[in-house]
C-alpha atoms as a PDB file:
ATOM      1  CA  MET A   1     173.939  24.549 176.203  1.00  0.00           C
ATOM      2  CA  ALA A   2     171.913  23.525 173.145  1.00  0.00           C
ATOM      3  CA  THR A   3     168.787  21.527 173.724  1.00  0.00           C
ATOM      4  CA  LYS A   4     168.149  18.186 172.090  1.00  0.00           C
ATOM      5  CA  ALA A   5     165.602  19.846 169.812  1.00  0.00           C
ATOM      6  CA  GLU A   6     168.076  22.488 168.708  1.00  0.00           C
ATOM      7  CA  ILE A   7     170.714  19.856 167.987  1.00  0.00           C
ATOM      8  CA  ASN A   8     168.226  17.860 165.951  1.00  0.00           C
ATOM      9  CA  ALA A   9     167.167  20.867 163.922  1.00  0.00           C
ATOM     10  CA  ALA A  10     170.737  21.791 163.184  1.00  0.00           C
ATOM     11  CA  SER A  11     171.515  18.225 162.159  1.00  0.00           C
ATOM     12  CA  LEU A  12     168.522  18.008 159.866  1.00  0.00           C
ATOM     13  CA  ILE A  13     169.293  21.293 158.201  1.00  0.00           C
ATOM     14  CA  GLU A  14     172.875  20.219 157.659  1.00  0.00           C
ATOM     15  CA  GLN A  15     171.755  16.961 156.074  1.00  0.00           C
ATOM     16  CA  TYR A  16     169.213  18.832 153.924  1.00  0.00           C
ATOM     17  CA  SER A  17     171.880  21.233 152.634  1.00  0.00           C
ATOM     18  CA  LYS A  18     174.261  18.425 151.890  1.00  0.00           C
ATOM     19  CA  ALA A  19     171.548  16.482 150.036  1.00  0.00           C
ATOM     20  CA  ILE A  20     170.326  19.234 147.755  1.00  0.00           C
ATOM     21  CA  HIS A  21     173.753  20.658 147.008  1.00  0.00           C
ATOM     22  CA  SER A  22     175.540  17.391 146.299  1.00  0.00           C
ATOM     23  CA  PRO A  23     176.668  16.653 142.720  1.00  0.00           C
ATOM     24  CA  HIS A  24     174.294  13.660 142.809  1.00  0.00           C
ATOM     25  CA  TYR A  25     171.241  15.881 143.364  1.00  0.00           C
ATOM     26  CA  SER A  26     172.065  18.224 140.483  1.00  0.00           C
ATOM     27  CA  VAL A  27     171.462  15.594 137.800  1.00  0.00           C
ATOM     28  CA  ALA A  28     168.240  13.912 136.705  1.00  0.00           C
ATOM     29  CA  CYS A  29     167.278  11.028 138.918  1.00  0.00           C
ATOM     30  CA  SER A  30     164.495   8.467 139.424  1.00  0.00           C
ATOM     31  CA  PRO A  31     161.716   9.209 141.974  1.00  0.00           C
ATOM     32  CA  ALA A  32     162.935   6.215 143.927  1.00  0.00           C
ATOM     33  CA  CYS A  33     166.330   7.795 144.648  1.00  0.00           C
ATOM     34  CA  PRO A  34     166.766   7.962 148.449  1.00  0.00           C
ATOM     35  CA  VAL A  35     168.636  11.279 148.282  1.00  0.00           C
ATOM     36  CA  CYS A  36     166.045  13.020 146.169  1.00  0.00           C
ATOM     37  CA  ASN A  37     163.140  11.601 148.195  1.00  0.00           C
ATOM     38  CA  MET A  38     164.797  12.713 151.375  1.00  0.00           C
ATOM     39  CA  ASP A  39     165.150  16.411 150.785  1.00  0.00           C
ATOM     40  CA  THR A  40     161.521  17.512 151.184  1.00  0.00           C
ATOM     41  CA  ASP A  41     160.984  15.430 154.295  1.00  0.00           C
ATOM     42  CA  LEU A  42     164.104  16.698 155.968  1.00  0.00           C
ATOM     43  CA  TYR A  43     163.252  20.256 155.103  1.00  0.00           C
ATOM     44  CA  ASN A  44     159.735  20.009 156.527  1.00  0.00           C
ATOM     45  CA  LYS A  45     161.058  18.311 159.723  1.00  0.00           C
ATOM     46  CA  ALA A  46     163.749  20.890 160.151  1.00  0.00           C
ATOM     47  CA  ARG A  47     161.305  23.786 159.633  1.00  0.00           C
ATOM     48  CA  LYS A  48     158.844  22.272 162.138  1.00  0.00           C
ATOM     49  CA  ILE A  49     161.506  21.852 164.799  1.00  0.00           C
ATOM     50  CA  MET A  50     162.842  25.329 164.215  1.00  0.00           C
ATOM     51  CA  GLU A  51     159.347  26.758 164.566  1.00  0.00           C
ATOM     52  CA  LEU A  52     158.944  24.943 167.919  1.00  0.00           C
ATOM     53  CA  THR A  53     162.203  26.338 169.225  1.00  0.00           C
ATOM     54  CA  LYS A  54     162.304  29.748 167.557  1.00  0.00           C
ATOM     55  CA  GLU A  55     161.084  31.659 170.600  1.00  0.00           C
ATOM     56  CA  LYS A  56     163.911  30.218 172.699  1.00  0.00           C
ATOM     57  CA  ASN A  57     166.539  30.728 170.022  1.00  0.00           C
ATOM     58  CA  MET A  58     165.670  34.295 169.136  1.00  0.00           C
ATOM     59  CA  GLU A  59     167.456  36.767 171.463  1.00  0.00           C
ATOM     60  CA  LEU A  60     164.780  39.471 171.272  1.00  0.00           C
ATOM     61  CA  SER A  61     163.623  42.160 173.645  1.00  0.00           C
ATOM     62  CA  PRO A  62     160.114  41.880 175.069  1.00  0.00           C
ATOM     63  CA  GLU A  63     159.028  44.621 172.641  1.00  0.00           C
ATOM     64  CA  GLN A  64     160.095  42.427 169.691  1.00  0.00           C
ATOM     65  CA  LYS A  65     157.728  39.613 170.956  1.00  0.00           C
ATOM     66  CA  SER A  66     154.479  41.470 170.226  1.00  0.00           C
ATOM     67  CA  ASP A  67     151.467  39.871 168.523  1.00  0.00           C
ATOM     68  CA  ARG A  68     152.880  41.127 165.171  1.00  0.00           C
ATOM     69  CA  GLY A  69     156.207  39.453 165.753  1.00  0.00           C
ATOM     70  CA  PRO A  70     159.728  40.865 165.436  1.00  0.00           C
ATOM     71  CA  PHE A  71     160.446  43.961 163.423  1.00  0.00           C
ATOM     72  CA  VAL A  72     163.145  46.072 161.871  1.00  0.00           C
ATOM     73  CA  ALA A  73     163.120  49.779 162.809  1.00  0.00           C
ATOM     74  CA  THR A  74     163.718  52.164 159.930  1.00  0.00           C
ATOM     75  CA  LEU A  75     165.290  55.626 159.760  1.00  0.00           C
ATOM     76  CA  SER A  76     162.047  57.559 160.190  1.00  0.00           C
ATOM     77  CA  GLY A  77     160.862  55.336 163.092  1.00  0.00           C
ATOM     78  CA  ALA A  78     158.641  53.081 161.078  1.00  0.00           C
ATOM     79  CA  TYR A  79     158.535  49.322 161.879  1.00  0.00           C
ATOM     80  CA  PHE A  80     158.895  46.641 159.250  1.00  0.00           C
ATOM     81  CA  PHE A  81     157.331  43.472 160.724  1.00  0.00           C
ATOM     82  CA  ILE A  82     159.228  40.540 159.247  1.00  0.00           C
ATOM     83  CA  TYR A  83     156.240  38.090 159.184  1.00  0.00           C
ATOM     84  CA  GLU A  84     153.820  40.598 157.698  1.00  0.00           C
ATOM     85  CA  CYS A  85     156.215  42.131 155.125  1.00  0.00           C
ATOM     86  CA  ASN A  86     154.296  45.396 155.590  1.00  0.00           C
ATOM     87  CA  ILE A  87     156.142  47.229 152.826  1.00  0.00           C
ATOM     88  CA  GLU A  88     153.157  49.604 152.510  1.00  0.00           C
ATOM     89  CA  ASP A  89     153.895  51.138 155.864  1.00  0.00           C
ATOM     90  CA  ILE A  90     157.502  52.052 155.078  1.00  0.00           C
ATOM     91  CA  PRO A  91     158.298  55.474 153.450  1.00  0.00           C
ATOM     92  CA  VAL A  92     160.197  55.090 150.208  1.00  0.00           C
ATOM     93  CA  GLU A  93     162.833  57.552 151.594  1.00  0.00           C
ATOM     94  CA  ASP A  94     163.620  55.017 154.339  1.00  0.00           C
ATOM     95  CA  MET A  95     164.140  52.248 151.818  1.00  0.00           C
ATOM     96  CA  ALA A  96     166.204  54.459 149.531  1.00  0.00           C
ATOM     97  CA  HIS A  97     168.359  55.539 152.492  1.00  0.00           C
ATOM     98  CA  ALA A  98     168.966  51.913 153.566  1.00  0.00           C
ATOM     99  CA  LEU A  99     169.942  50.908 150.019  1.00  0.00           C
ATOM    100  CA  SER A 100     172.302  53.900 149.706  1.00  0.00           C
ATOM    101  CA  MET A 101     174.115  52.664 152.840  1.00  0.00           C
ATOM    102  CA  ASN A 102     174.205  48.998 151.792  1.00  0.00           C
ATOM    103  CA  VAL A 103     177.416  48.144 149.967  1.00  0.00           C
ATOM    104  CA  ARG A 104     177.566  45.671 147.053  1.00  0.00           C
ATOM    105  CA  PHE A 105     179.837  42.614 146.913  1.00  0.00           C
ATOM    106  CA  ASN A 106     179.909  42.402 150.733  1.00  0.00           C
ATOM    107  CA  GLY A 107     182.386  45.276 150.763  1.00  0.00           C
ATOM    108  CA  HIS A 108     185.197  43.365 148.936  1.00  0.00           C
ATOM    109  CA  ILE A 109     185.720  46.229 146.466  1.00  0.00           C
ATOM    110  CA  LYS A 110     188.136  49.156 146.209  1.00  0.00           C
ATOM    111  CA  ARG A 111     185.571  51.878 146.698  1.00  0.00           C
ATOM    112  CA  PHE A 112     182.054  52.221 148.110  1.00  0.00           C
ATOM    113  CA  TYR A 113     179.290  51.140 145.723  1.00  0.00           C
ATOM    114  CA  SER A 114     175.753  50.951 147.001  1.00  0.00           C
ATOM    115  CA  VAL A 115     172.723  48.871 146.180  1.00  0.00           C
ATOM    116  CA  ALA A 116     170.842  52.149 145.530  1.00  0.00           C
ATOM    117  CA  GLU A 117     173.315  53.160 142.853  1.00  0.00           C
ATOM    118  CA  HIS A 118     173.280  49.668 141.303  1.00  0.00           C
ATOM    119  CA  SER A 119     169.491  49.803 141.271  1.00  0.00           C
ATOM    120  CA  CYS A 120     169.490  53.104 139.331  1.00  0.00           C
ATOM    121  CA  TYR A 121     171.699  51.560 136.691  1.00  0.00           C
ATOM    122  CA  ILE A 122     169.481  48.493 136.367  1.00  0.00           C
ATOM    123  CA  SER A 123     166.526  50.822 135.916  1.00  0.00           C
ATOM    124  CA  ASP A 124     168.329  52.768 133.188  1.00  0.00           C
ATOM    125  CA  LEU A 125     169.565  49.657 131.341  1.00  0.00           C
ATOM    126  CA  ALA A 126     166.320  47.710 131.469  1.00  0.00           C
ATOM    127  CA  GLY A 127     164.196  50.774 130.625  1.00  0.00           C
ATOM    128  CA  THR A 128     166.373  51.624 127.629  1.00  0.00           C
ATOM    129  CA  ALA A 129     166.400  48.018 126.364  1.00  0.00           C
ATOM    130  CA  ALA A 130     162.601  47.967 126.648  1.00  0.00           C
ATOM    131  CA  ALA A 131     162.300  51.136 124.609  1.00  0.00           C
ATOM    132  CA  LEU A 132     164.698  49.837 121.993  1.00  0.00           C
ATOM    133  CA  ALA A 133     162.650  46.656 121.798  1.00  0.00           C
ATOM    134  CA  GLY A 134     159.611  48.724 120.824  1.00  0.00           C
ATOM    135  CA  MET A 135     157.611  48.368 123.979  1.00  0.00           C
ATOM    136  CA  LYS A 136     154.870  50.890 124.659  1.00  0.00           C
ATOM    137  CA  ARG A 137     155.666  53.855 126.883  1.00  0.00           C
ATOM    138  CA  GLU A 138     153.737  52.502 129.883  1.00  0.00           C
ATOM    139  CA  GLU A 139     155.442  49.124 129.570  1.00  0.00           C
ATOM    140  CA  VAL A 140     158.839  50.832 129.412  1.00  0.00           C
ATOM    141  CA  ARG A 141     157.986  52.768 132.565  1.00  0.00           C
ATOM    142  CA  ARG A 142     156.972  49.607 134.456  1.00  0.00           C
ATOM    143  CA  VAL A 143     160.155  47.822 133.389  1.00  0.00           C
ATOM    144  CA  ALA A 144     162.270  50.737 134.482  1.00  0.00           C
ATOM    145  CA  LEU A 145     160.443  50.977 137.810  1.00  0.00           C
ATOM    146  CA  TRP A 146     160.891  47.254 138.396  1.00  0.00           C
ATOM    147  CA  GLY A 147     164.567  47.755 137.669  1.00  0.00           C
ATOM    148  CA  LEU A 148     164.793  50.474 140.328  1.00  0.00           C
ATOM    149  CA  LEU A 149     162.903  48.403 142.884  1.00  0.00           C
ATOM    150  CA  HIS A 150     164.311  44.958 142.091  1.00  0.00           C
ATOM    151  CA  ASP A 151     166.548  44.965 145.187  1.00  0.00           C
ATOM    152  CA  ILE A 152     164.218  46.890 147.481  1.00  0.00           C
ATOM    153  CA  THR A 153     163.983  43.798 149.673  1.00  0.00           C
ATOM    154  CA  GLU A 154     167.603  44.532 150.662  1.00  0.00           C
ATOM    155  CA  ALA A 155     166.395  47.558 152.625  1.00  0.00           C
ATOM    156  CA  PHE A 156     165.331  44.927 155.147  1.00  0.00           C
ATOM    157  CA  VAL A 157     167.339  41.791 154.278  1.00  0.00           C
ATOM    158  CA  PRO A 158     170.939  42.725 153.577  1.00  0.00           C
ATOM    159  CA  ASP A 159     172.632  42.215 150.201  1.00  0.00           C
ATOM    160  CA  ILE A 160     173.811  38.616 150.489  1.00  0.00           C
ATOM    161  CA  PRO A 161     176.484  37.501 148.058  1.00  0.00           C
ATOM    162  CA  ARG A 162     175.057  35.301 145.289  1.00  0.00           C
ATOM    163  CA  PRO A 163     176.899  32.062 146.228  1.00  0.00           C
ATOM    164  CA  PHE A 164     175.361  32.118 149.736  1.00  0.00           C
ATOM    165  CA  LYS A 165     171.694  32.380 148.725  1.00  0.00           C
ATOM    166  CA  PRO A 166     171.058  28.740 147.744  1.00  0.00           C
ATOM    167  CA  VAL A 167     172.527  27.378 150.991  1.00  0.00           C
ATOM    168  CA  ILE A 168     170.484  29.605 153.420  1.00  0.00           C
ATOM    169  CA  VAL A 169     167.379  27.552 154.158  1.00  0.00           C
ATOM    170  CA  GLY A 170     164.193  29.544 153.426  1.00  0.00           C
ATOM    171  CA  PHE A 171     165.976  32.641 152.144  1.00  0.00           C
ATOM    172  CA  LYS A 172     164.695  32.472 148.562  1.00  0.00           C
ATOM    173  CA  GLU A 173     161.137  31.855 149.732  1.00  0.00           C
ATOM    174  CA  TYR A 174     161.185  34.843 152.042  1.00  0.00           C
ATOM    175  CA  GLU A 175     162.825  37.104 149.491  1.00  0.00           C
ATOM    176  CA  ASP A 176     160.190  36.091 146.918  1.00  0.00           C
ATOM    177  CA  LYS A 177     157.400  36.720 149.426  1.00  0.00           C
ATOM    178  CA  LEU A 178     158.673  40.204 150.048  1.00  0.00           C
ATOM    179  CA  ALA A 179     159.256  40.898 146.373  1.00  0.00           C
ATOM    180  CA  GLN A 180     155.661  39.953 145.664  1.00  0.00           C
ATOM    181  CA  LYS A 181     154.474  42.508 148.237  1.00  0.00           C
ATOM    182  CA  VAL A 182     156.636  45.111 146.453  1.00  0.00           C
ATOM    183  CA  ALA A 183     154.972  44.207 143.155  1.00  0.00           C
ATOM    184  CA  ARG A 184     151.467  44.577 144.622  1.00  0.00           C
ATOM    185  CA  GLN A 185     152.343  47.826 146.350  1.00  0.00           C
ATOM    186  CA  TYR A 186     153.629  49.435 143.184  1.00  0.00           C
ATOM    187  CA  ASN A 187     151.177  47.804 140.760  1.00  0.00           C
ATOM    188  CA  LEU A 188     153.932  45.854 138.987  1.00  0.00           C
ATOM    189  CA  SER A 189     153.806  42.467 137.261  1.00  0.00           C
ATOM    190  CA  TRP A 190     154.906  39.238 138.997  1.00  0.00           C
ATOM    191  CA  PRO A 191     157.241  37.638 138.429  1.00  0.00           C
ATOM    192  CA  MET A 192     159.853  40.330 137.801  1.00  0.00           C
ATOM    193  CA  PRO A 193     160.339  40.967 134.008  1.00  0.00           C
ATOM    194  CA  ASP A 194     163.030  38.802 132.370  1.00  0.00           C
ATOM    195  CA  LEU A 195     164.657  41.930 130.990  1.00  0.00           C
ATOM    196  CA  VAL A 196     165.298  43.233 134.521  1.00  0.00           C
ATOM    197  CA  LYS A 197     166.590  39.841 135.618  1.00  0.00           C
ATOM    198  CA  TYR A 198     168.931  39.745 132.664  1.00  0.00           C
ATOM    199  CA  MET A 199     170.433  43.179 133.360  1.00  0.00           C
ATOM    200  CA  ASP A 200     170.744  42.391 137.129  1.00  0.00           C
ATOM    201  CA  THR A 201     172.396  39.082 136.444  1.00  0.00           C
ATOM    202  CA  ASN A 202     174.951  40.412 133.889  1.00  0.00           C
ATOM    203  CA  ILE A 203     175.805  43.845 135.194  1.00  0.00           C
ATOM    204  CA  VAL A 204     178.105  42.130 137.693  1.00  0.00           C
ATOM    205  CA  ARG A 205     180.663  41.806 134.900  1.00  0.00           C
ATOM    206  CA  LEU A 206     180.861  45.580 134.406  1.00  0.00           C
ATOM    207  CA  GLU A 207     180.769  46.208 138.164  1.00  0.00           C
ATOM    208  CA  ALA A 208     183.547  43.671 138.883  1.00  0.00           C
ATOM    209  CA  GLU A 209     185.832  44.911 136.151  1.00  0.00           C
ATOM    210  CA  VAL A 210     185.659  48.409 137.611  1.00  0.00           C
ATOM    211  CA  LEU A 211     185.358  47.803 141.336  1.00  0.00           C
ATOM    212  CA  PHE A 212     187.681  44.780 142.037  1.00  0.00           C
ATOM    213  CA  PRO A 213     191.465  45.393 142.017  1.00  0.00           C
ATOM    214  CA  ASN A 214     191.643  41.912 140.499  1.00  0.00           C
ATOM    215  CA  PRO A 215     188.368  40.914 138.825  1.00  0.00           C
ATOM    216  CA  PRO A 216     187.210  37.463 139.941  1.00  0.00           C
ATOM    217  CA  ILE A 217     187.522  34.465 137.601  1.00  0.00           C
ATOM    218  CA  TRP A 218     183.810  34.336 137.101  1.00  0.00           C
ATOM    219  CA  THR A 219     183.741  37.746 135.376  1.00  0.00           C
ATOM    220  CA  ASN A 220     183.786  36.474 131.793  1.00  0.00           C
ATOM    221  CA  HIS A 221     180.886  34.074 132.430  1.00  0.00           C
ATOM    222  CA  TYR A 222     178.463  37.014 132.132  1.00  0.00           C
ATOM    223  CA  ASP A 223     177.470  39.050 129.109  1.00  0.00           C
ATOM    224  CA  ASP A 224     179.254  42.306 128.458  1.00  0.00           C
ATOM    225  CA  LEU A 225     176.785  45.212 128.800  1.00  0.00           C
ATOM    226  CA  THR A 226     179.259  47.916 127.749  1.00  0.00           C
ATOM    227  CA  SER A 227     177.387  48.763 124.515  1.00  0.00           C
ATOM    228  CA  ILE A 228     174.031  49.350 126.119  1.00  0.00           C
ATOM    229  CA  ALA A 229     175.640  51.155 129.067  1.00  0.00           C
ATOM    230  CA  THR A 230     177.153  53.501 126.527  1.00  0.00           C
ATOM    231  CA  GLU A 231     173.709  53.961 124.909  1.00  0.00           C
ATOM    232  CA  VAL A 232     172.349  54.921 128.276  1.00  0.00           C
ATOM    233  CA  GLY A 233     175.207  57.271 129.070  1.00  0.00           C
ATOM    234  CA  ILE A 234     176.721  55.215 131.865  1.00  0.00           C
ATOM    235  CA  GLU A 235     180.553  55.453 132.163  1.00  0.00           C
ATOM    236  CA  PRO A 236     181.428  52.706 134.618  1.00  0.00           C
ATOM    237  CA  GLN A 237     185.004  53.824 135.292  1.00  0.00           C
ATOM    238  CA  LYS A 238     183.838  57.350 136.014  1.00  0.00           C
ATOM    239  CA  ASP A 239     180.342  56.733 137.459  1.00  0.00           C
ATOM    240  CA  PHE A 240     180.524  53.637 139.604  1.00  0.00           C
ATOM    241  CA  GLY A 241     181.102  54.439 143.280  1.00  0.00           C
ATOM    242  CA  GLN A 242     178.950  57.381 144.381  1.00  0.00           C
ATOM    243  CA  GLU A 243     178.793  58.462 147.957  1.00  0.00           C
ATOM    244  CA  PRO A 244     175.689  57.480 149.914  1.00  0.00           C
ATOM    245  CA  ASP A 245     174.095  60.926 149.805  1.00  0.00           C
ATOM    246  CA  MET A 246     174.453  61.102 146.002  1.00  0.00           C
ATOM    247  CA  ALA A 247     173.218  57.496 145.586  1.00  0.00           C
ATOM    248  CA  PHE A 248     170.144  58.308 147.685  1.00  0.00           C
ATOM    249  CA  ARG A 249     169.414  61.389 145.568  1.00  0.00           C
ATOM    250  CA  MET A 250     169.901  59.374 142.332  1.00  0.00           C
ATOM    251  CA  PHE A 251     167.430  56.771 143.561  1.00  0.00           C
ATOM    252  CA  MET A 252     164.807  59.277 144.702  1.00  0.00           C
ATOM    253  CA  ASP A 253     165.042  61.358 141.512  1.00  0.00           C
ATOM    254  CA  ARG A 254     164.566  58.225 139.443  1.00  0.00           C
ATOM    255  CA  TYR A 255     161.664  57.110 141.641  1.00  0.00           C
ATOM    256  CA  GLU A 256     159.908  60.437 141.366  1.00  0.00           C
ATOM    257  CA  SER A 257     160.465  60.501 137.584  1.00  0.00           C
ATOM    258  CA  LEU A 258     158.958  57.001 137.133  1.00  0.00           C
ATOM    259  CA  THR A 259     156.001  57.385 139.566  1.00  0.00           C
ATOM    260  CA  GLY A 260     155.139  61.010 139.022  1.00  0.00           C
ATOM    261  CA  SER A 261     155.156  61.542 142.718  1.00  0.00           C
ATOM    262  CA  VAL A 262     157.384  63.639 144.945  1.00  0.00           C
ATOM    263  CA  ALA A 263     158.141  61.649 148.127  1.00  0.00           C
END
């Protein structure tokens, strides 16, 4: 049976979500508005209560309750500690493997299509666009590497469909914290380059047109990247949907090419 503290936390979080995602909140409002003034207070209260009750709520083994906190075990046996975000301790092969097994669109597509494969295409598209824009070779390399690593956080936090992200309390903050560690680890700029964000945002149109039996109604909202995909040599109908082993190899080959290192 839930404790009073747990019930209060759940209630506060529910109120917080309703407040910030109501039509009222999405428009400009005066500082005196009770809804807009309420969201930060509710959030802080909810987070405080959840912190006080997290040990009871988390169904973890004794090993997961070490001084470093809970962790995710990777393929090679490394531990990713979720509070530390110790990306530097995780072999790139482990992250590439996880991404190659992680399906896009929550699996609601007609054939397997991994985050690793998607990341390779973002790297190719963003890198090519950077070169066409006249950027220097090192800048192009960094943009392409950011494109490859833009979803590396999903080696630890699964690929969550876009509509869910704003309603999961704390998700964006944690994802950004982890992405900043990735940037520091690989000597990349922060925030992520706009060119990478643009390709990542809009490639969903190409992906949806190929991978969904009936493309969703939101497809035409995004820019059509067909012309630059052709420039890169990507043939969506033919290429999208590689098996995990091939997606892993694609990712690692691209990583080694961009970093000059053999993992």
